[in-house]
Amino acid sequence: RARHEARSRTDELHHETDLHVRALALKERTVDAMLDTAQIGMAVIDPHGRIQRANAAFADLAGAAPEALRTKLIDDVLVDAERPTPLRFTRLMQQATDDLVHQSMRLRNGDGRVTPSLVTLSVLRDEAGRAVSAVCAVHDLSENLRRRQVEQVLGNVMELSRGDSRPAALGSNDLGTSEQHLLC
């Protein structure tokens, strides 16, 4: 009888383990699908600042393939061009509370390209409150800046075409090109 109960309990435990493994696999596939379909750069970072996974948009911002980013320090991949500080992202992650952390930055990738970005960081903690990983979202703001600049130039052209005697001043934008060049 004891063997039968032990075998029965063992079968129950195997079944529970199988259910947990399937649930975990489904969660992993869900996370992968979310990362792959996100329109912004997303990466999962370990508590030491190493990239565990990155989506294609993040890889594009970083100037490398997602597989090549795995295990690299996020601070080596993306550098705050305005306030370069050693281990900036790692410290930001360690100091974060349970709230989302938002930072506007001009990020420089390994190729030297600088991208105005909004970085959002969410830290995941274990039961003891220790950071176990973080999700980093990087939104490329350069497209928004270009769109605003084009809208401003088009607005200036419309004012000039209506015969407005006070045309808005045309100047340089953050990207280093004259707004007149956007009309070409």
C-alpha atoms as a PDB file:
ATOM      1  CA  ARG A   1       0.000   0.000   0.000  1.00  0.00           C
ATOM      2  CA  ALA A   2       2.830   2.439   0.837  1.00  0.00           C
ATOM      3  CA  ARG A   3       4.414   1.793  -2.563  1.00  0.00           C
ATOM      4  CA  HIS A   4       1.135   2.429  -4.298  1.00  0.00           C
ATOM      5  CA  GLU A   5       0.698   5.750  -2.438  1.00  0.00           C
ATOM      6  CA  ALA A   6       4.295   6.735  -3.166  1.00  0.00           C
ATOM      7  CA  ARG A   7       3.892   5.862  -6.849  1.00  0.00           C
ATOM      8  CA  SER A   8       0.604   7.728  -6.985  1.00  0.00           C
ATOM      9  CA  ARG A   9       2.132  10.811  -5.312  1.00  0.00           C
ATOM     10  CA  THR A  10       5.166  10.622  -7.631  1.00  0.00           C
ATOM     11  CA  ASP A  11       2.850  10.557 -10.656  1.00  0.00           C
ATOM     12  CA  GLU A  12       0.989  13.599  -9.296  1.00  0.00           C
ATOM     13  CA  LEU A  13       4.269  15.478  -8.789  1.00  0.00           C
ATOM     14  CA  HIS A  14       5.429  14.594 -12.320  1.00  0.00           C
ATOM     15  CA  HIS A  15       2.120  15.871 -13.668  1.00  0.00           C
ATOM     16  CA  GLU A  16       2.416  19.125 -11.670  1.00  0.00           C
ATOM     17  CA  THR A  17       6.010  19.568 -12.855  1.00  0.00           C
ATOM     18  CA  ASP A  18       4.945  19.035 -16.472  1.00  0.00           C
ATOM     19  CA  LEU A  19       2.178  21.634 -16.067  1.00  0.00           C
ATOM     20  CA  HIS A  20       4.673  24.146 -14.618  1.00  0.00           C
ATOM     21  CA  VAL A  21       7.184  23.482 -17.415  1.00  0.00           C
ATOM     22  CA  ARG A  22       4.467  24.007 -20.052  1.00  0.00           C
ATOM     23  CA  ALA A  23       3.272  27.201 -18.342  1.00  0.00           C
ATOM     24  CA  LEU A  24       6.842  28.511 -18.173  1.00  0.00           C
ATOM     25  CA  ALA A  25       7.409  27.696 -21.862  1.00  0.00           C
ATOM     26  CA  LEU A  26       4.194  29.530 -22.752  1.00  0.00           C
ATOM     27  CA  LYS A  27       5.332  32.573 -20.734  1.00  0.00           C
ATOM     28  CA  GLU A  28       8.721  32.500 -22.494  1.00  0.00           C
ATOM     29  CA  ARG A  29       7.046  32.360 -25.919  1.00  0.00           C
ATOM     30  CA  THR A  30       4.746  35.217 -24.875  1.00  0.00           C
ATOM     31  CA  VAL A  31       7.697  37.374 -23.789  1.00  0.00           C
ATOM     32  CA  ASP A  32       9.533  36.546 -27.039  1.00  0.00           C
ATOM     33  CA  ALA A  33       6.443  37.478 -29.088  1.00  0.00           C
ATOM     34  CA  MET A  34       6.041  40.754 -27.191  1.00  0.00           C
ATOM     35  CA  LEU A  35       9.700  41.648 -27.718  1.00  0.00           C
ATOM     36  CA  ASP A  36       9.567  40.724 -31.405  1.00  0.00           C
ATOM     37  CA  THR A  37       6.411  42.739 -32.132  1.00  0.00           C
ATOM     38  CA  ALA A  38       7.300  45.859 -30.148  1.00  0.00           C
ATOM     39  CA  GLN A  39       7.934  48.909 -32.325  1.00  0.00           C
ATOM     40  CA  ILE A  40      10.503  50.243 -29.861  1.00  0.00           C
ATOM     41  CA  GLY A  41      13.849  48.860 -28.771  1.00  0.00           C
ATOM     42  CA  MET A  42      13.500  46.479 -25.859  1.00  0.00           C
ATOM     43  CA  ALA A  43      16.052  44.474 -23.937  1.00  0.00           C
ATOM     44  CA  VAL A  44      16.052  42.315 -20.828  1.00  0.00           C
ATOM     45  CA  ILE A  45      19.042  43.076 -18.609  1.00  0.00           C
ATOM     46  CA  ASP A  46      20.475  40.931 -15.789  1.00  0.00           C
ATOM     47  CA  PRO A  47      21.290  42.503 -12.373  1.00  0.00           C
ATOM     48  CA  HIS A  48      24.914  43.030 -13.421  1.00  0.00           C
ATOM     49  CA  GLY A  49      23.921  45.078 -16.494  1.00  0.00           C
ATOM     50  CA  ARG A  50      24.407  42.324 -19.091  1.00  0.00           C
ATOM     51  CA  ILE A  51      21.910  41.992 -21.926  1.00  0.00           C
ATOM     52  CA  GLN A  52      20.026  38.689 -21.735  1.00  0.00           C
ATOM     53  CA  ARG A  53      17.865  39.261 -24.819  1.00  0.00           C
ATOM     54  CA  ALA A  54      17.120  42.120 -27.182  1.00  0.00           C
ATOM     55  CA  ASN A  55      14.602  42.648 -29.943  1.00  0.00           C
ATOM     56  CA  ALA A  56      15.400  43.752 -33.505  1.00  0.00           C
ATOM     57  CA  ALA A  57      14.523  47.425 -32.826  1.00  0.00           C
ATOM     58  CA  PHE A  58      16.952  47.530 -29.878  1.00  0.00           C
ATOM     59  CA  ALA A  59      19.613  45.787 -31.954  1.00  0.00           C
ATOM     60  CA  ASP A  60      19.154  48.379 -34.701  1.00  0.00           C
ATOM     61  CA  LEU A  61      19.609  51.215 -32.203  1.00  0.00           C
ATOM     62  CA  ALA A  62      22.687  49.448 -30.795  1.00  0.00           C
ATOM     63  CA  GLY A  63      24.117  48.803 -34.270  1.00  0.00           C
ATOM     64  CA  ALA A  64      24.460  45.020 -33.824  1.00  0.00           C
ATOM     65  CA  ALA A  65      22.526  41.793 -34.287  1.00  0.00           C
ATOM     66  CA  PRO A  66      20.415  40.642 -31.304  1.00  0.00           C
ATOM     67  CA  GLU A  67      22.553  37.511 -30.890  1.00  0.00           C
ATOM     68  CA  ALA A  68      25.738  39.613 -30.817  1.00  0.00           C
ATOM     69  CA  LEU A  69      24.320  41.717 -27.973  1.00  0.00           C
ATOM     70  CA  ARG A  70      23.674  38.774 -25.672  1.00  0.00           C
ATOM     71  CA  THR A  71      25.891  38.974 -22.542  1.00  0.00           C
ATOM     72  CA  LYS A  72      27.313  42.407 -23.464  1.00  0.00           C
ATOM     73  CA  LEU A  73      27.096  45.158 -20.864  1.00  0.00           C
ATOM     74  CA  ILE A  74      24.316  47.554 -21.764  1.00  0.00           C
ATOM     75  CA  ASP A  75      26.661  50.382 -20.766  1.00  0.00           C
ATOM     76  CA  ASP A  76      29.087  49.274 -23.504  1.00  0.00           C
ATOM     77  CA  VAL A  77      26.322  49.118 -26.121  1.00  0.00           C
ATOM     78  CA  LEU A  78      24.483  52.372 -25.386  1.00  0.00           C
ATOM     79  CA  VAL A  79      26.289  55.356 -23.889  1.00  0.00           C
ATOM     80  CA  ASP A  80      24.614  58.549 -22.686  1.00  0.00           C
ATOM     81  CA  ALA A  81      26.311  61.014 -25.069  1.00  0.00           C
ATOM     82  CA  GLU A  82      25.238  64.056 -23.007  1.00  0.00           C
ATOM     83  CA  ARG A  83      26.354  62.734 -19.593  1.00  0.00           C
ATOM     84  CA  PRO A  84      28.674  59.784 -20.187  1.00  0.00           C
ATOM     85  CA  THR A  85      29.106  58.030 -16.875  1.00  0.00           C
ATOM     86  CA  PRO A  86      30.688  54.621 -16.320  1.00  0.00           C
ATOM     87  CA  LEU A  87      27.998  51.990 -15.658  1.00  0.00           C
ATOM     88  CA  ARG A  88      25.188  54.574 -15.961  1.00  0.00           C
ATOM     89  CA  PHE A  89      22.485  52.028 -16.847  1.00  0.00           C
ATOM     90  CA  THR A  90      23.670  49.514 -14.268  1.00  0.00           C
ATOM     91  CA  ARG A  91      23.570  52.151 -11.514  1.00  0.00           C
ATOM     92  CA  LEU A  92      20.198  53.413 -12.771  1.00  0.00           C
ATOM     93  CA  MET A  93      18.901  49.852 -12.488  1.00  0.00           C
ATOM     94  CA  GLN A  94      20.330  49.334  -8.989  1.00  0.00           C
ATOM     95  CA  GLN A  95      18.917  52.634  -7.704  1.00  0.00           C
ATOM     96  CA  ALA A  96      15.476  52.242  -9.301  1.00  0.00           C
ATOM     97  CA  THR A  97      12.399  51.885  -7.144  1.00  0.00           C
ATOM     98  CA  ASP A  98       9.343  49.873  -8.118  1.00  0.00           C
ATOM     99  CA  ASP A  99       8.213  52.786 -10.297  1.00  0.00           C
ATOM    100  CA  LEU A 100       9.138  53.063 -13.961  1.00  0.00           C
ATOM    101  CA  VAL A 101      12.265  55.138 -14.540  1.00  0.00           C
ATOM    102  CA  HIS A 102      12.136  57.498 -17.545  1.00  0.00           C
ATOM    103  CA  GLN A 103      15.233  59.262 -18.874  1.00  0.00           C
ATOM    104  CA  SER A 104      15.648  61.395 -21.980  1.00  0.00           C
ATOM    105  CA  MET A 105      19.104  60.728 -23.382  1.00  0.00           C
ATOM    106  CA  ARG A 106      21.178  61.152 -26.483  1.00  0.00           C
ATOM    107  CA  LEU A 107      22.495  57.620 -26.878  1.00  0.00           C
ATOM    108  CA  ARG A 108      25.662  56.745 -28.756  1.00  0.00           C
ATOM    109  CA  ASN A 109      25.932  53.184 -30.029  1.00  0.00           C
ATOM    110  CA  GLY A 110      29.095  51.199 -30.733  1.00  0.00           C
ATOM    111  CA  ASP A 111      29.231  52.607 -34.302  1.00  0.00           C
ATOM    112  CA  GLY A 112      29.293  56.179 -32.955  1.00  0.00           C
ATOM    113  CA  ARG A 113      25.759  57.054 -34.136  1.00  0.00           C
ATOM    114  CA  VAL A 114      23.957  59.354 -31.698  1.00  0.00           C
ATOM    115  CA  THR A 115      20.200  58.954 -31.296  1.00  0.00           C
ATOM    116  CA  PRO A 116      17.947  61.160 -29.179  1.00  0.00           C
ATOM    117  CA  SER A 117      16.000  58.637 -27.112  1.00  0.00           C
ATOM    118  CA  LEU A 118      13.560  58.120 -24.308  1.00  0.00           C
ATOM    119  CA  VAL A 119      14.734  55.267 -22.092  1.00  0.00           C
ATOM    120  CA  THR A 120      12.254  53.574 -19.764  1.00  0.00           C
ATOM    121  CA  LEU A 121      13.473  51.054 -17.230  1.00  0.00           C
ATOM    122  CA  SER A 122      11.460  48.661 -15.084  1.00  0.00           C
ATOM    123  CA  VAL A 123      13.283  46.593 -12.476  1.00  0.00           C
ATOM    124  CA  LEU A 124      12.000  43.151 -11.511  1.00  0.00           C
ATOM    125  CA  ARG A 125      12.757  42.026  -7.951  1.00  0.00           C
ATOM    126  CA  ASP A 126      12.699  38.744  -6.044  1.00  0.00           C
ATOM    127  CA  GLU A 127      10.829  38.176  -2.765  1.00  0.00           C
ATOM    128  CA  ALA A 128      13.762  39.647  -0.795  1.00  0.00           C
ATOM    129  CA  GLY A 129      13.643  42.869  -2.865  1.00  0.00           C
ATOM    130  CA  ARG A 130      16.862  42.222  -4.817  1.00  0.00           C
ATOM    131  CA  ALA A 131      16.942  43.235  -8.480  1.00  0.00           C
ATOM    132  CA  VAL A 132      16.918  40.058 -10.595  1.00  0.00           C
ATOM    133  CA  SER A 133      16.489  41.679 -14.003  1.00  0.00           C
ATOM    134  CA  ALA A 134      15.258  44.785 -15.720  1.00  0.00           C
ATOM    135  CA  VAL A 135      13.333  45.535 -18.864  1.00  0.00           C
ATOM    136  CA  CYS A 136      14.774  48.451 -20.797  1.00  0.00           C
ATOM    137  CA  ALA A 137      12.734  50.156 -23.517  1.00  0.00           C
ATOM    138  CA  VAL A 138      14.493  52.631 -25.805  1.00  0.00           C
ATOM    139  CA  HIS A 139      12.330  54.809 -28.026  1.00  0.00           C
ATOM    140  CA  ASP A 140      14.133  56.555 -30.899  1.00  0.00           C
ATOM    141  CA  LEU A 141      12.986  60.185 -30.762  1.00  0.00           C
ATOM    142  CA  SER A 142      14.860  61.284 -33.905  1.00  0.00           C
ATOM    143  CA  GLU A 143      11.880  60.406 -36.129  1.00  0.00           C
ATOM    144  CA  ASN A 144       9.615  62.597 -33.954  1.00  0.00           C
ATOM    145  CA  LEU A 145      12.156  65.437 -34.157  1.00  0.00           C
ATOM    146  CA  ARG A 146      12.362  65.135 -37.944  1.00  0.00           C
ATOM    147  CA  ARG A 147       8.562  65.111 -38.224  1.00  0.00           C
ATOM    148  CA  ARG A 148       8.281  68.261 -36.052  1.00  0.00           C
ATOM    149  CA  GLN A 149      10.973  69.979 -38.112  1.00  0.00           C
ATOM    150  CA  VAL A 150       9.223  69.124 -41.377  1.00  0.00           C
ATOM    151  CA  GLU A 151       5.913  70.361 -39.926  1.00  0.00           C
ATOM    152  CA  GLN A 152       7.584  73.615 -38.884  1.00  0.00           C
ATOM    153  CA  VAL A 153       9.129  74.127 -42.337  1.00  0.00           C
ATOM    154  CA  LEU A 154       5.810  73.340 -44.043  1.00  0.00           C
ATOM    155  CA  GLY A 155       4.083  75.782 -41.700  1.00  0.00           C
ATOM    156  CA  ASN A 156       6.634  78.453 -42.639  1.00  0.00           C
ATOM    157  CA  VAL A 157       6.097  77.762 -46.349  1.00  0.00           C
ATOM    158  CA  MET A 158       2.320  78.001 -45.913  1.00  0.00           C
ATOM    159  CA  GLU A 159       2.673  81.316 -44.075  1.00  0.00           C
ATOM    160  CA  LEU A 160       4.916  82.640 -46.843  1.00  0.00           C
ATOM    161  CA  SER A 161       2.515  81.459 -49.558  1.00  0.00           C
ATOM    162  CA  ARG A 162      -0.370  83.290 -47.878  1.00  0.00           C
ATOM    163  CA  GLY A 163       1.659  86.469 -47.999  1.00  0.00           C
ATOM    164  CA  ASP A 164       2.275  86.730 -44.277  1.00  0.00           C
ATOM    165  CA  SER A 165       4.541  89.719 -43.818  1.00  0.00           C
ATOM    166  CA  ARG A 166       6.328  88.125 -40.851  1.00  0.00           C
ATOM    167  CA  PRO A 167       7.733  84.740 -41.894  1.00  0.00           C
ATOM    168  CA  ALA A 168       8.898  82.486 -39.093  1.00  0.00           C
ATOM    169  CA  ALA A 169      12.659  82.261 -38.767  1.00  0.00           C
ATOM    170  CA  LEU A 170      14.318  79.246 -40.327  1.00  0.00           C
ATOM    171  CA  GLY A 171      17.205  77.916 -38.295  1.00  0.00           C
ATOM    172  CA  SER A 172      19.258  74.870 -37.534  1.00  0.00           C
ATOM    173  CA  ASN A 173      17.822  71.833 -35.886  1.00  0.00           C
ATOM    174  CA  ASP A 174      19.285  69.409 -33.339  1.00  0.00           C
ATOM    175  CA  LEU A 175      20.502  67.072 -36.057  1.00  0.00           C
ATOM    176  CA  GLY A 176      22.892  69.622 -37.513  1.00  0.00           C
ATOM    177  CA  THR A 177      21.161  70.275 -40.858  1.00  0.00           C
ATOM    178  CA  SER A 178      19.442  73.432 -41.974  1.00  0.00           C
ATOM    179  CA  GLU A 179      15.647  73.174 -42.167  1.00  0.00           C
ATOM    180  CA  GLN A 180      15.834  74.644 -45.709  1.00  0.00           C
ATOM    181  CA  HIS A 181      17.523  71.379 -46.738  1.00  0.00           C
ATOM    182  CA  LEU A 182      14.442  69.403 -45.705  1.00  0.00           C
ATOM    183  CA  LEU A 183      12.519  71.001 -48.580  1.00  0.00           C
ATOM    184  CA  CYS A 184      14.853  69.549 -51.189  1.00  0.00           C
END
